[in-house]
Protein backbone atom coordinates (compact mmCIF):
# COMPACT_ATOMS: atom_id res chain seq x y z
CA MET A 1 -9.18 -26.21 -2.90
CA LYS A 2 -6.88 -26.83 -5.85
CA VAL A 3 -5.82 -23.80 -7.89
CA PHE A 4 -4.31 -23.48 -11.34
CA ASN A 5 -3.18 -20.32 -13.11
CA LYS A 6 -3.68 -18.67 -16.47
CA LYS A 7 -1.28 -16.00 -17.74
CA GLY A 8 -1.99 -12.42 -16.77
CA LEU A 9 -0.40 -9.47 -14.98
CA SER A 10 -1.00 -8.22 -11.48
CA ALA A 11 -2.61 -5.61 -9.30
CA LEU A 12 0.86 -4.37 -8.46
CA ALA A 13 1.51 -3.84 -12.18
CA ALA A 14 -1.81 -2.03 -12.43
CA VAL A 15 -0.81 0.41 -9.74
CA ALA A 16 2.57 0.92 -11.39
CA ILE A 17 0.75 1.83 -14.62
CA LEU A 18 -1.40 4.30 -12.74
CA ALA A 19 1.51 5.87 -10.93
CA ALA A 20 3.38 6.33 -14.21
CA ALA A 21 0.29 7.90 -15.77
CA CYS A 22 -0.02 10.44 -13.00
CA GLY A 23 2.92 12.44 -14.32
CA GLY A 24 1.04 13.25 -17.52
CA SER A 25 -2.34 13.89 -15.96
CA THR A 26 -4.31 16.99 -16.84
CA ALA A 27 -5.95 17.01 -13.43
CA SER A 28 -5.31 19.83 -11.00
CA THR A 29 -2.07 19.47 -9.09
CA ALA A 30 -2.88 22.15 -6.53
CA GLY A 31 -0.97 21.37 -3.36
CA LYS A 32 1.13 18.87 -5.31
CA THR A 33 -0.99 15.98 -4.06
CA LEU A 34 -2.14 13.35 -6.51
CA THR A 35 -4.84 10.93 -5.40
CA ILE A 36 -5.34 7.43 -6.77
CA GLY A 37 -8.81 6.08 -6.14
CA ILE A 38 -9.38 2.48 -5.16
CA SER A 39 -12.82 1.12 -5.99
CA PHE A 40 -13.66 -2.37 -4.68
CA PRO A 41 -16.47 -4.18 -2.82
CA LEU A 42 -15.07 -4.30 0.70
CA ASN A 43 -17.60 -5.68 3.14
CA GLY A 44 -19.15 -9.07 3.85
CA SER A 45 -18.15 -12.02 1.70
CA ALA A 46 -16.85 -9.73 -1.08
CA LEU A 47 -14.04 -8.58 1.20
CA ALA A 48 -12.36 -12.00 1.12
CA SER A 49 -11.43 -11.63 -2.56
CA ALA A 50 -11.22 -7.85 -2.95
CA GLY A 51 -9.44 -7.11 0.34
CA PRO A 52 -6.04 -8.42 -0.77
CA ALA A 53 -6.31 -6.42 -4.01
CA ARG A 54 -7.05 -3.26 -2.04
CA ASP A 55 -4.09 -3.89 0.25
CA GLY A 56 -1.77 -4.62 -2.67
CA ALA A 57 -2.79 -1.35 -4.29
CA LEU A 58 -2.31 0.57 -1.03
CA LEU A 59 1.16 -0.87 -0.59
CA ALA A 60 2.17 -0.11 -4.17
CA ILE A 61 0.90 3.48 -3.86
CA LYS A 62 2.83 3.85 -0.61
CA GLU A 63 5.98 2.58 -2.32
CA ALA A 64 5.57 4.68 -5.49
CA SER A 65 7.01 8.15 -5.93
CA ILE A 66 6.71 10.97 -8.46
CA GLU A 67 9.20 13.78 -8.00
CA GLY A 68 7.55 16.91 -6.70
CA TYR A 69 4.27 15.26 -5.73
CA THR A 70 2.73 13.43 -2.81
CA LEU A 71 0.72 10.33 -3.72
CA LYS A 72 -2.21 9.26 -1.61
CA ALA A 73 -5.05 6.75 -1.90
CA LYS A 74 -8.78 7.22 -1.51
CA VAL A 75 -10.71 3.98 -0.97
CA LEU A 76 -14.42 3.60 -1.72
CA ASP A 77 -16.46 0.48 -0.99
CA HIS A 78 -19.31 -0.40 -3.36
CA ALA A 79 -20.49 -3.61 -1.72
CA LYS A 80 -24.02 -3.84 -0.37
CA GLU A 81 -25.01 -6.68 1.91
CA GLY A 82 -21.68 -8.36 1.27
CA ALA A 83 -21.87 -8.41 -2.54
CA HIS A 84 -20.60 -6.09 -5.27
CA ASN A 85 -23.22 -3.57 -6.33
CA PRO A 86 -22.93 -2.00 -9.82
CA ASP A 87 -25.21 0.94 -9.00
CA GLN A 88 -23.08 1.89 -6.02
CA ALA A 89 -19.95 1.34 -8.10
CA ALA A 90 -21.19 3.91 -10.63
CA ALA A 91 -21.98 6.34 -7.81
CA ASP A 92 -18.48 5.90 -6.40
CA MET A 93 -16.96 6.65 -9.80
CA LEU A 94 -18.99 9.87 -9.91
CA THR A 95 -17.38 10.76 -6.59
CA PHE A 96 -13.91 10.17 -8.02
CA VAL A 97 -14.44 12.17 -11.21
CA GLY A 98 -15.76 15.05 -9.12
CA GLN A 99 -12.47 15.39 -7.27
CA GLU A 100 -9.79 17.25 -9.24
CA ASP A 101 -6.88 15.67 -7.39
CA VAL A 102 -7.97 12.11 -8.36
CA VAL A 103 -5.80 11.25 -11.36
CA ALA A 104 -6.50 7.50 -11.72
CA VAL A 105 -8.57 4.70 -10.25
CA VAL A 106 -7.59 1.12 -9.41
CA GLY A 107 -10.65 -1.06 -9.90
CA PRO A 108 -13.31 -2.20 -9.92
CA PHE A 109 -13.03 -5.86 -8.91
CA ASN A 110 -16.10 -7.25 -10.70
CA SER A 111 -17.00 -7.07 -14.38
CA ALA A 112 -20.61 -6.02 -13.78
CA SER A 113 -19.35 -3.08 -11.74
CA ALA A 114 -16.93 -2.22 -14.53
CA ARG A 115 -19.81 -2.01 -17.00
CA ALA A 116 -21.41 0.53 -14.69
CA GLN A 117 -18.24 2.54 -14.13
CA ILE A 118 -16.56 2.71 -17.53
CA PRO A 119 -19.06 5.12 -19.16
CA VAL A 120 -18.61 7.49 -16.21
CA SER A 121 -14.80 7.42 -16.12
CA SER A 122 -14.64 7.50 -19.93
CA GLU A 123 -16.72 10.65 -20.21
CA ALA A 124 -14.52 12.32 -17.60
CA GLY A 125 -11.30 11.09 -19.21
CA LEU A 126 -10.19 9.50 -15.94
CA LEU A 127 -7.66 6.66 -16.23
CA GLN A 128 -8.95 3.40 -14.77
CA CYS A 129 -7.13 0.08 -14.39
CA SER A 130 -8.63 -3.11 -12.98
CA PRO A 131 -6.55 -5.94 -11.55
CA SER A 132 -9.31 -8.51 -11.92
CA ASN A 133 -12.04 -7.73 -14.48
CA THR A 134 -12.21 -10.68 -16.88
CA ASN A 135 -15.34 -10.26 -19.05
CA PRO A 136 -14.03 -9.83 -22.64
CA THR A 137 -16.72 -7.38 -23.76
CA LEU A 138 -15.43 -4.66 -21.46
CA THR A 139 -12.74 -3.95 -24.04
CA LYS A 140 -13.41 -6.16 -27.05
CA GLY A 141 -15.75 -5.69 -29.99
CA ALA A 142 -18.79 -3.48 -30.33
CA ASP A 143 -19.70 -3.80 -26.65
CA GLY A 144 -16.33 -2.40 -25.59
CA GLU A 145 -16.69 0.49 -28.02
CA ALA A 146 -20.21 1.21 -26.80
CA LEU A 147 -19.11 1.43 -23.17
CA ARG A 148 -16.68 4.21 -24.12
CA GLY A 149 -19.17 5.94 -26.41
CA GLY A 150 -16.56 6.38 -29.14
CA ARG A 151 -14.19 8.19 -26.78
CA ALA A 152 -10.47 7.48 -26.38
CA VAL A 153 -9.49 4.44 -24.34
CA ASN A 154 -9.27 5.27 -20.65
CA TYR A 155 -9.86 1.81 -19.14
CA VAL A 156 -7.36 -1.05 -19.09
CA ARG A 157 -7.14 -4.28 -17.12
CA VAL A 158 -4.23 -6.58 -16.38
CA ALA A 159 -6.05 -9.89 -15.91
CA THR A 160 -6.63 -12.58 -18.49
CA THR A 161 -10.12 -12.44 -20.00
CA ASP A 162 -12.76 -15.15 -19.71
CA ASP A 163 -12.52 -16.17 -23.35
CA LEU A 164 -9.22 -17.66 -22.18
CA GLN A 165 -9.98 -18.41 -18.53
CA GLY A 166 -13.25 -20.28 -19.14
CA PRO A 167 -11.77 -22.63 -21.77
CA ALA A 168 -8.73 -23.23 -19.54
CA VAL A 169 -11.02 -24.44 -16.75
CA ALA A 170 -12.96 -26.58 -19.25
CA ASP A 171 -9.80 -28.24 -20.57
CA TYR A 172 -8.59 -28.84 -17.04
CA ALA A 173 -11.92 -30.36 -16.00
CA TYR A 174 -11.96 -32.63 -19.05
CA SER A 175 -8.37 -33.73 -18.46
CA ASN A 176 -9.34 -34.42 -14.86
CA GLY A 177 -12.00 -36.91 -15.98
CA ALA A 178 -15.15 -34.77 -16.29
CA ARG A 179 -17.42 -35.88 -19.15
CA SER A 180 -20.93 -34.72 -18.17
CA VAL A 181 -21.14 -31.36 -16.42
CA TYR A 182 -23.94 -29.36 -14.86
CA ILE A 183 -23.48 -25.57 -15.09
CA LEU A 184 -24.94 -22.88 -12.85
CA ASP A 185 -24.17 -19.19 -13.33
CA SER A 186 -24.98 -15.95 -11.50
CA THR A 187 -26.57 -14.32 -14.60
CA ASP A 188 -24.32 -11.22 -14.50
CA ALA A 189 -21.45 -10.09 -16.74
CA TYR A 190 -18.81 -12.22 -15.07
CA GLY A 191 -20.80 -15.28 -14.07
CA LYS A 192 -22.68 -15.83 -17.32
CA GLY A 193 -19.69 -14.83 -19.43
CA ILE A 194 -17.26 -17.33 -17.95
CA ALA A 195 -19.94 -20.04 -17.91
CA ASP A 196 -20.60 -19.47 -21.63
CA SER A 197 -16.92 -19.80 -22.52
CA PHE A 198 -16.52 -22.84 -20.26
CA GLU A 199 -19.52 -24.54 -21.85
CA ALA A 200 -18.36 -23.97 -25.43
CA GLN A 201 -14.88 -25.36 -24.80
CA PHE A 202 -16.08 -28.30 -22.71
CA ILE A 203 -18.29 -29.41 -25.61
CA THR A 204 -15.43 -28.89 -28.07
CA ALA A 205 -13.20 -31.04 -25.87
CA GLY A 206 -15.72 -33.88 -26.11
CA GLY A 207 -17.77 -33.38 -22.96
CA THR A 208 -21.54 -33.06 -22.54
CA VAL A 209 -23.43 -30.32 -20.71
CA VAL A 210 -26.32 -32.22 -19.12
CA GLY A 211 -28.01 -29.13 -17.70
CA ARG A 212 -27.61 -25.43 -17.11
CA ASP A 213 -29.39 -22.80 -15.06
CA GLY A 214 -28.87 -19.27 -13.80
CA LEU A 215 -29.67 -17.82 -10.39
CA PRO A 216 -28.82 -14.21 -9.48
CA THR A 217 -26.95 -12.83 -6.50
CA GLY A 218 -29.17 -12.95 -3.42
CA THR A 219 -30.50 -16.45 -4.06
CA THR A 220 -30.57 -18.43 -0.84
CA ASP A 221 -32.19 -21.74 -1.85
CA TYR A 222 -30.14 -23.91 -4.20
CA SER A 223 -31.85 -27.19 -3.40
CA ALA A 224 -33.76 -27.38 -6.70
CA VAL A 225 -30.70 -26.90 -8.94
CA ALA A 226 -28.70 -29.31 -6.79
CA ALA A 227 -31.44 -31.92 -7.17
CA GLU A 228 -31.49 -31.30 -10.92
CA ALA A 229 -27.73 -31.80 -11.20
CA LYS A 230 -28.10 -35.11 -9.37
CA SER A 231 -31.06 -36.30 -11.47
CA LEU A 232 -29.28 -35.50 -14.74
CA GLY A 233 -26.30 -37.64 -13.80
CA ALA A 234 -23.63 -34.97 -13.89
CA ASP A 235 -20.15 -36.16 -13.00
CA ALA A 236 -18.87 -32.61 -12.41
CA ILE A 237 -20.20 -29.13 -11.61
CA PHE A 238 -19.19 -25.72 -12.93
CA PHE A 239 -20.23 -22.53 -11.16
CA GLY A 240 -19.93 -19.21 -12.98
CA GLY A 241 -19.86 -16.44 -10.42
CA VAL A 242 -18.13 -15.19 -7.30
CA THR A 243 -18.34 -16.41 -3.73
CA SER A 244 -20.83 -13.72 -2.74
CA ASP A 245 -23.08 -14.78 -5.65
CA GLY A 246 -23.83 -18.00 -3.75
CA ALA A 247 -21.14 -20.49 -4.74
CA PRO A 248 -20.74 -21.91 -1.20
CA LEU A 249 -24.51 -22.23 -0.75
CA PHE A 250 -24.73 -24.16 -4.02
CA ARG A 251 -21.85 -26.41 -2.96
CA LYS A 252 -23.55 -27.13 0.37
CA ALA A 253 -26.84 -27.87 -1.42
CA LEU A 254 -25.05 -30.40 -3.62
CA ASP A 255 -23.68 -32.02 -0.47
CA GLN A 256 -27.17 -32.20 1.03
CA ALA A 257 -28.50 -33.67 -2.23
CA GLY A 258 -25.97 -36.47 -1.95
CA VAL A 259 -23.59 -35.41 -4.72
CA GLY A 260 -21.20 -33.26 -2.76
CA THR A 261 -18.28 -35.45 -3.78
CA LEU A 262 -18.55 -34.34 -7.42
CA PRO A 263 -15.67 -32.15 -8.60
CA PHE A 264 -16.75 -28.50 -8.35
CA TYR A 265 -15.08 -26.12 -10.80
CA GLY A 266 -15.09 -22.34 -10.86
CA GLY A 267 -13.08 -19.41 -12.13
CA ASP A 268 -11.23 -16.79 -10.12
CA GLY A 269 -14.54 -15.73 -8.59
CA ILE A 270 -14.19 -18.44 -5.94
CA PHE A 271 -10.44 -18.06 -5.51
CA ASP A 272 -10.44 -15.97 -2.34
CA GLY A 273 -8.25 -17.64 0.23
CA THR A 274 -9.39 -19.35 3.40
CA GLY A 275 -10.30 -16.45 5.66
CA GLU A 276 -13.67 -15.27 6.89
CA GLY A 277 -16.17 -14.88 4.06
CA SER A 278 -14.15 -16.97 1.59
CA TYR A 279 -15.55 -19.83 -0.49
CA ILE A 280 -13.63 -22.38 1.56
CA ALA A 281 -14.60 -20.87 4.93
CA ILE A 282 -18.31 -20.71 4.10
CA SER A 283 -18.43 -24.09 2.36
CA GLY A 284 -16.60 -25.83 5.18
CA ALA A 285 -16.12 -29.55 4.65
CA ALA A 286 -18.25 -29.36 1.48
CA ALA A 287 -15.39 -27.46 -0.22
CA GLU A 288 -13.46 -30.69 -0.69
CA ASN A 289 -12.75 -31.52 -4.35
CA SER A 290 -13.25 -27.91 -5.48
CA TYR A 291 -11.08 -26.31 -8.15
CA ALA A 292 -10.50 -22.64 -9.01
CA SER A 293 -8.47 -20.74 -11.57
CA ILE A 294 -6.90 -17.32 -11.21
CA ALA A 295 -6.52 -14.97 -14.14
CA GLY A 296 -3.15 -13.55 -13.13
CA SER A 297 0.37 -14.90 -13.26
CA GLN A 298 2.19 -15.50 -9.99
CA ASN A 299 5.55 -15.45 -11.81
CA ILE A 300 6.15 -11.76 -11.17
CA PRO A 301 9.52 -9.96 -10.97
CA GLY A 302 10.13 -8.75 -7.43
CA LYS A 303 7.46 -11.03 -5.98
CA ALA A 304 9.58 -12.18 -3.02
CA ASP A 305 10.34 -8.61 -1.99
CA PHE A 306 6.69 -7.62 -2.36
CA ASP A 307 5.63 -10.64 -0.26
CA THR A 308 7.97 -9.58 2.51
CA LYS A 309 6.72 -6.00 2.48
CA PHE A 310 3.08 -7.08 2.32
CA MET A 311 3.50 -9.33 5.36
CA ALA A 312 5.24 -6.54 7.27
CA GLU A 313 2.51 -4.03 6.35
CA PHE A 314 -0.61 -6.13 6.88
CA GLY A 315 0.45 -9.12 8.97
CA VAL A 316 -0.87 -11.68 6.44
CA ALA A 317 0.53 -13.26 3.30
CA ALA A 318 -0.26 -11.71 -0.07
CA GLU A 319 -2.63 -13.79 -2.19
CA GLY A 320 -4.95 -13.62 -5.16
CA TYR A 321 -5.04 -10.20 -6.81
CA ALA A 322 -2.83 -8.54 -4.20
CA TYR A 323 0.02 -8.63 -6.73
């Protein structure tokens, strides 16, 4: 799968922000232990994308130091049946805010989970930084204000937002020859949001959206939308969503419908390596001619040193939002 980047920061930078913030925390410092929560979906297919981010955060916390304190991590998993679950994400944030030694949280990974968590962490005044949330409304405009309920800003993210990422994918697809695209999204904050921004820019660039549909996480039959894409004469496909939302199943359905050779574009939601549970692993041969973006820069100071330490710690190369 081909990958192209948009500017952003990294999960490592997020953890550095959190570690720096710990020194000014108003949380209890009894025992001189400060805990940084990590909140990601970490089972099933969701693990392929969120696992490297968790490990990058763990390594950065291990490397960080604040004089007079011990830093430790507490990891909570809010995936259910292999997919991120906003309700469980909110419950996990309640767990974090109930522990006085938790001074900051890295996460969540998905924008829909962030919408569930931000009101909880905001009310508690708990600092939260995501390496990968990209839906613009989490921080921008009236929606961003509403999530915080008028309270001071406690949530930041270090990834490029989808009002930049979606158009970047659209421009790339158009420059790559796409003129008539079929769009499918996962109907949630991330999937629909990036599909909306992709669609608007693709039309602006001169392309045509021949059809669009939305199917939520948990859908198992994509044959109808694949047949529709074929019948409408699309010359490219865009999927708004993450791997666990069904991207590989849709790609396979396109292959079975006889249009599996069409270029298949997605955002960072399908950029999750090649290991078990990843878009490429589940799609198999059907993954050919797929393209993904990532909303974080790989041009990071100290990257080579971090790569070496990550390999030594976990036995695999750092990728995606591990940085």
